[in-house]
Amino acid sequence: MTSPIEALVQQLDGDDDASYAARVQLVDIGRDATLTITDGLPTLGSFGQLTAIEVFEEAADPRCGPALIALLGSDDPTVREWAAMALASLEIDGAVEPLRRAYRACLERTTPPDWSEPVGIRWALTELGARSPVVPPLTARLRATAADDAPGWPSAHFAEIINDLADHAQVILYSQFWRVDAGRTYGISGTGLDWELDWTAPWEHLVEESRAWSLLEASAAPAGDNILVAPTWIDRTDLCPER
């Protein structure tokens, strides 16, 4: 006989209303639902698995760790990305090596480094202390002028940051913009400028190409004392991680 919790797990794959209702109930049940959810994961589609990951994060139960690690092998890149980020946010023991393997698998699939899956896995490795982004001294110093909890740098220094990163052989992937208003931070639209790098090109070419595009973006970026910019960048070692 199907238990009430098992029935809720199967509803995670339902339509939006049914899935949301099941999610709410499973979050309310909390850790008592964790093992039943992990047992039911293989029977769920991608949508249900993504919703299950949300429940795991809400419950904050480390017993979901093996299930999240298993999801790193999913055929769905979004499931892999969400599982990676959940492993970091829940600080799951033993997650680093599986995350490294998942990142190497991204590279072997030639997934562009600026796509959301590798970005998410790099974030997870960084959060777990297994990856140290290169932050040049000037970039680090300029960030210190912003509020401690600000998600970026003052936009007035955008061009300086771009050149500092490029001068230290970093490739800028994209940038996000934020507005600070009355102590609250809001995401705002950037320039709409979009570029694609040829990841088969030499690293030095990638550095200069990303510098040129980013400086073009800086010339048209939102500006103001309350505007922050948060560039995302990678080092050469992010394309050749340790085995």
Protein backbone atom coordinates (compact mmCIF):
# COMPACT_ATOMS: atom_id res chain seq x y z
CA MET A 1 0.00 0.00 0.00
CA THR A 2 1.26 3.48 -0.90
CA SER A 3 1.92 5.64 2.13
CA PRO A 4 0.72 9.28 2.26
CA ILE A 5 4.30 10.52 1.86
CA GLU A 6 4.91 8.22 -1.12
CA ALA A 7 1.75 9.59 -2.73
CA LEU A 8 2.99 13.14 -2.25
CA VAL A 9 6.35 12.25 -3.81
CA GLN A 10 4.62 10.95 -6.94
CA GLN A 11 2.60 14.17 -7.14
CA LEU A 12 5.83 16.14 -7.52
CA ASP A 13 5.70 15.15 -11.19
CA GLY A 14 2.13 16.42 -11.60
CA ASP A 15 0.91 19.68 -13.05
CA ASP A 16 2.02 22.97 -11.50
CA ASP A 17 -0.75 23.15 -8.90
CA ALA A 18 -0.47 19.51 -7.81
CA SER A 19 3.32 19.65 -7.68
CA TYR A 20 3.33 22.88 -5.70
CA ALA A 21 0.79 21.53 -3.21
CA ALA A 22 2.84 18.35 -2.72
CA ARG A 23 6.00 20.39 -2.30
CA VAL A 24 4.41 22.52 0.41
CA GLN A 25 3.20 19.46 2.31
CA LEU A 26 6.56 17.70 2.04
CA VAL A 27 8.36 20.80 3.29
CA ASP A 28 5.97 20.90 6.24
CA ILE A 29 6.70 17.23 6.98
CA GLY A 30 10.39 18.05 6.82
CA ARG A 31 13.09 15.51 7.55
CA ASP A 32 10.59 12.73 8.16
CA ALA A 33 9.98 12.77 4.40
CA THR A 34 13.61 12.75 3.27
CA LEU A 35 14.23 9.03 2.90
CA THR A 36 10.90 8.42 1.19
CA ILE A 37 11.71 11.16 -1.32
CA THR A 38 15.16 9.72 -2.01
CA ASP A 39 13.65 6.28 -2.58
CA GLY A 40 11.15 7.76 -5.04
CA LEU A 41 13.59 9.91 -7.03
CA PRO A 42 14.33 7.29 -9.74
CA THR A 43 10.62 7.12 -10.60
CA LEU A 44 10.33 10.89 -11.11
CA GLY A 45 10.93 12.88 -14.26
CA SER A 46 13.11 15.96 -14.39
CA PHE A 47 10.37 18.30 -13.14
CA GLY A 48 9.67 16.11 -10.12
CA GLN A 49 13.36 15.72 -9.35
CA LEU A 50 13.91 19.48 -9.47
CA THR A 51 11.03 19.99 -7.07
CA ALA A 52 12.43 17.25 -4.82
CA ILE A 53 15.75 19.11 -4.71
CA GLU A 54 13.89 22.20 -3.51
CA VAL A 55 12.31 20.14 -0.74
CA PHE A 56 15.72 18.75 0.27
CA GLU A 57 17.09 22.27 0.59
CA GLU A 58 14.13 23.40 2.67
CA ALA A 59 14.42 20.36 4.96
CA ALA A 60 18.21 20.77 5.26
CA ASP A 61 18.64 17.06 5.92
CA PRO A 62 22.16 15.78 5.12
CA ARG A 63 20.76 12.28 4.55
CA CYS A 64 19.75 13.46 1.07
CA GLY A 65 23.44 13.75 0.16
CA PRO A 66 23.80 10.38 -1.63
CA ALA A 67 20.64 11.04 -3.64
CA LEU A 68 21.91 14.47 -4.72
CA ILE A 69 25.26 12.96 -5.71
CA ALA A 70 23.42 10.36 -7.78
CA LEU A 71 21.50 13.15 -9.55
CA LEU A 72 24.82 14.56 -10.77
CA GLY A 73 24.62 11.70 -13.29
CA SER A 74 21.19 12.73 -14.58
CA ASP A 75 20.62 13.12 -18.32
CA ASP A 76 19.10 16.56 -17.62
CA PRO A 77 21.65 19.39 -17.26
CA THR A 78 19.33 21.45 -15.07
CA VAL A 79 18.91 18.55 -12.65
CA ARG A 80 22.69 18.17 -12.53
CA GLU A 81 23.13 21.89 -11.91
CA TRP A 82 20.51 22.08 -9.15
CA ALA A 83 21.88 18.96 -7.48
CA ALA A 84 25.38 20.45 -7.49
CA MET A 85 24.23 23.71 -5.95
CA ALA A 86 22.16 21.88 -3.33
CA LEU A 87 25.18 19.80 -2.34
CA ALA A 88 27.05 23.02 -1.62
CA SER A 89 24.23 24.89 0.08
CA LEU A 90 23.63 21.90 2.38
CA GLU A 91 27.40 21.43 2.90
CA ILE A 92 27.16 17.71 2.20
CA ASP A 93 30.21 15.74 3.32
CA GLY A 94 31.99 13.92 0.52
CA ALA A 95 30.50 16.11 -2.22
CA VAL A 96 33.73 17.60 -3.56
CA GLU A 97 35.04 14.66 -5.59
CA PRO A 98 31.65 13.89 -7.20
CA LEU A 99 31.36 17.59 -8.08
CA ARG A 100 34.81 17.56 -9.63
CA ARG A 101 33.85 14.52 -11.69
CA ALA A 102 30.64 16.26 -12.76
CA TYR A 103 32.61 19.33 -13.82
CA ARG A 104 35.08 17.26 -15.82
CA ALA A 105 32.11 15.59 -17.49
CA CYS A 106 30.88 19.05 -18.52
CA LEU A 107 34.22 19.78 -20.12
CA GLU A 108 34.24 16.41 -21.88
CA ARG A 109 30.79 17.20 -23.29
CA THR A 110 32.29 20.52 -24.48
CA THR A 111 29.63 22.43 -22.57
CA PRO A 112 30.57 26.13 -22.86
CA PRO A 113 31.94 27.37 -19.51
CA ASP A 114 29.42 30.23 -19.40
CA TRP A 115 26.39 27.90 -19.53
CA SER A 116 24.46 27.53 -16.32
CA GLU A 117 25.53 23.96 -15.45
CA PRO A 118 29.30 24.58 -15.30
CA VAL A 119 28.67 27.96 -13.66
CA GLY A 120 26.60 26.23 -10.97
CA ILE A 121 29.17 23.49 -10.39
CA ARG A 122 32.01 26.01 -10.12
CA TRP A 123 29.94 27.96 -7.59
CA ALA A 124 29.39 24.77 -5.60
CA LEU A 125 33.09 23.90 -5.59
CA THR A 126 33.94 27.44 -4.54
CA GLU A 127 31.41 27.37 -1.70
CA LEU A 128 32.85 24.08 -0.46
CA GLY A 129 36.39 25.48 -0.50
CA ALA A 130 37.54 23.28 -3.37
CA ARG A 131 37.98 26.12 -5.86
CA SER A 132 39.63 29.50 -5.30
CA PRO A 133 38.74 32.17 -7.87
CA VAL A 134 41.63 34.43 -8.87
CA VAL A 135 40.89 37.90 -7.47
CA PRO A 136 43.63 40.38 -8.42
CA PRO A 137 44.63 42.94 -5.75
CA LEU A 138 43.05 45.94 -7.46
CA THR A 139 39.76 44.11 -8.01
CA ALA A 140 39.75 43.00 -4.37
CA ARG A 141 40.50 46.54 -3.18
CA LEU A 142 37.77 48.11 -5.30
CA ARG A 143 35.18 45.71 -3.94
CA ALA A 144 36.01 46.77 -0.40
CA THR A 145 34.55 50.21 -1.15
CA ALA A 146 31.06 48.69 -1.51
CA ALA A 147 28.80 47.53 1.29
CA ASP A 148 29.94 44.28 2.90
CA ASP A 149 26.89 42.40 1.72
CA ALA A 150 26.77 43.96 -1.75
CA PRO A 151 26.67 41.46 -4.62
CA GLY A 152 29.27 43.27 -6.68
CA TRP A 153 31.43 46.33 -7.27
CA PRO A 154 30.53 50.01 -7.77
CA SER A 155 29.71 50.42 -11.47
CA ALA A 156 32.02 53.44 -11.71
CA HIS A 157 34.95 51.00 -11.50
CA PHE A 158 33.64 48.55 -14.09
CA ALA A 159 36.27 49.32 -16.75
CA GLU A 160 39.08 49.18 -14.17
CA ILE A 161 37.89 45.77 -13.00
CA ILE A 162 37.69 44.46 -16.56
CA ASN A 163 41.24 45.52 -17.33
CA ASP A 164 42.57 44.26 -14.01
CA LEU A 165 41.02 40.83 -14.54
CA ALA A 166 42.24 40.61 -18.14
CA ASP A 167 45.72 41.78 -17.12
CA HIS A 168 45.76 38.80 -14.75
CA ALA A 169 44.73 36.38 -17.54
CA GLN A 170 41.11 35.99 -16.45
CA VAL A 171 38.28 35.50 -18.95
CA ILE A 172 35.10 37.43 -18.15
CA LEU A 173 32.02 35.42 -19.08
CA TYR A 174 29.24 37.93 -18.38
CA SER A 175 28.19 40.61 -15.89
CA GLN A 176 25.06 41.27 -13.86
CA PHE A 177 23.84 44.62 -12.57
CA TRP A 178 22.18 45.53 -9.29
CA ARG A 179 20.57 48.62 -7.81
CA VAL A 180 20.78 49.39 -4.09
CA ASP A 181 17.77 51.36 -2.91
CA ALA A 182 16.87 52.05 0.73
CA GLY A 183 19.05 49.19 1.89
CA ARG A 184 17.54 46.67 -0.52
CA THR A 185 19.20 45.22 -3.62
CA TYR A 186 17.38 44.68 -6.92
CA GLY A 187 18.56 43.02 -10.11
CA ILE A 188 18.33 45.36 -13.10
CA SER A 189 18.71 44.97 -16.84
CA GLY A 190 22.15 45.39 -18.30
CA THR A 191 23.11 46.46 -21.79
CA GLY A 192 21.59 43.47 -23.55
CA LEU A 193 24.96 42.89 -25.17
CA ASP A 194 25.56 39.19 -25.68
CA TRP A 195 28.68 37.51 -26.96
CA GLU A 196 29.98 34.03 -27.61
CA LEU A 197 33.59 33.03 -27.29
CA ASP A 198 35.31 30.41 -29.41
CA TRP A 199 36.46 28.00 -26.69
CA THR A 200 38.77 26.25 -29.14
CA ALA A 201 40.87 29.43 -29.38
CA PRO A 202 44.08 29.92 -27.35
CA TRP A 203 43.55 31.19 -23.80
CA GLU A 204 45.29 34.49 -24.52
CA HIS A 205 42.85 35.16 -27.36
CA LEU A 206 39.89 34.38 -25.08
CA VAL A 207 41.22 36.84 -22.49
CA GLU A 208 41.52 39.68 -24.99
CA GLU A 209 38.22 38.88 -26.72
CA SER A 210 36.36 38.93 -23.40
CA ARG A 211 38.16 42.16 -22.44
CA ALA A 212 37.03 43.84 -25.66
CA TRP A 213 33.40 42.74 -25.31
CA SER A 214 33.30 43.64 -21.63
CA LEU A 215 34.74 47.12 -22.21
CA LEU A 216 32.10 47.64 -24.89
CA GLU A 217 29.50 46.62 -22.34
CA ALA A 218 31.00 48.96 -19.75
CA SER A 219 30.66 51.88 -22.14
CA ALA A 220 26.89 51.38 -22.26
CA ALA A 221 26.27 49.93 -18.80
CA PRO A 222 23.89 51.42 -16.22
CA ALA A 223 25.72 53.95 -14.07
CA GLY A 224 25.15 55.68 -10.76
CA ASP A 225 26.29 55.75 -7.17
CA ASN A 226 23.76 53.05 -6.28
CA ILE A 227 24.51 50.73 -9.22
CA LEU A 228 26.69 47.65 -8.70
CA VAL A 229 28.17 45.31 -11.27
CA ALA A 230 29.04 41.66 -10.67
CA PRO A 231 31.22 40.12 -13.39
CA THR A 232 31.66 36.36 -13.57
CA TRP A 233 35.08 35.18 -14.70
CA ILE A 234 37.21 32.06 -14.91
CA ASP A 235 40.87 31.16 -14.81
CA ARG A 236 42.76 28.96 -17.27
CA THR A 237 42.74 26.23 -14.61
CA ASP A 238 38.93 26.08 -14.83
CA LEU A 239 39.34 24.53 -18.27
CA CYS A 240 42.04 22.13 -17.06
CA PRO A 241 40.92 21.03 -13.56
CA GLU A 242 42.90 18.56 -11.50
CA ARG A 243 42.05 14.91 -11.89
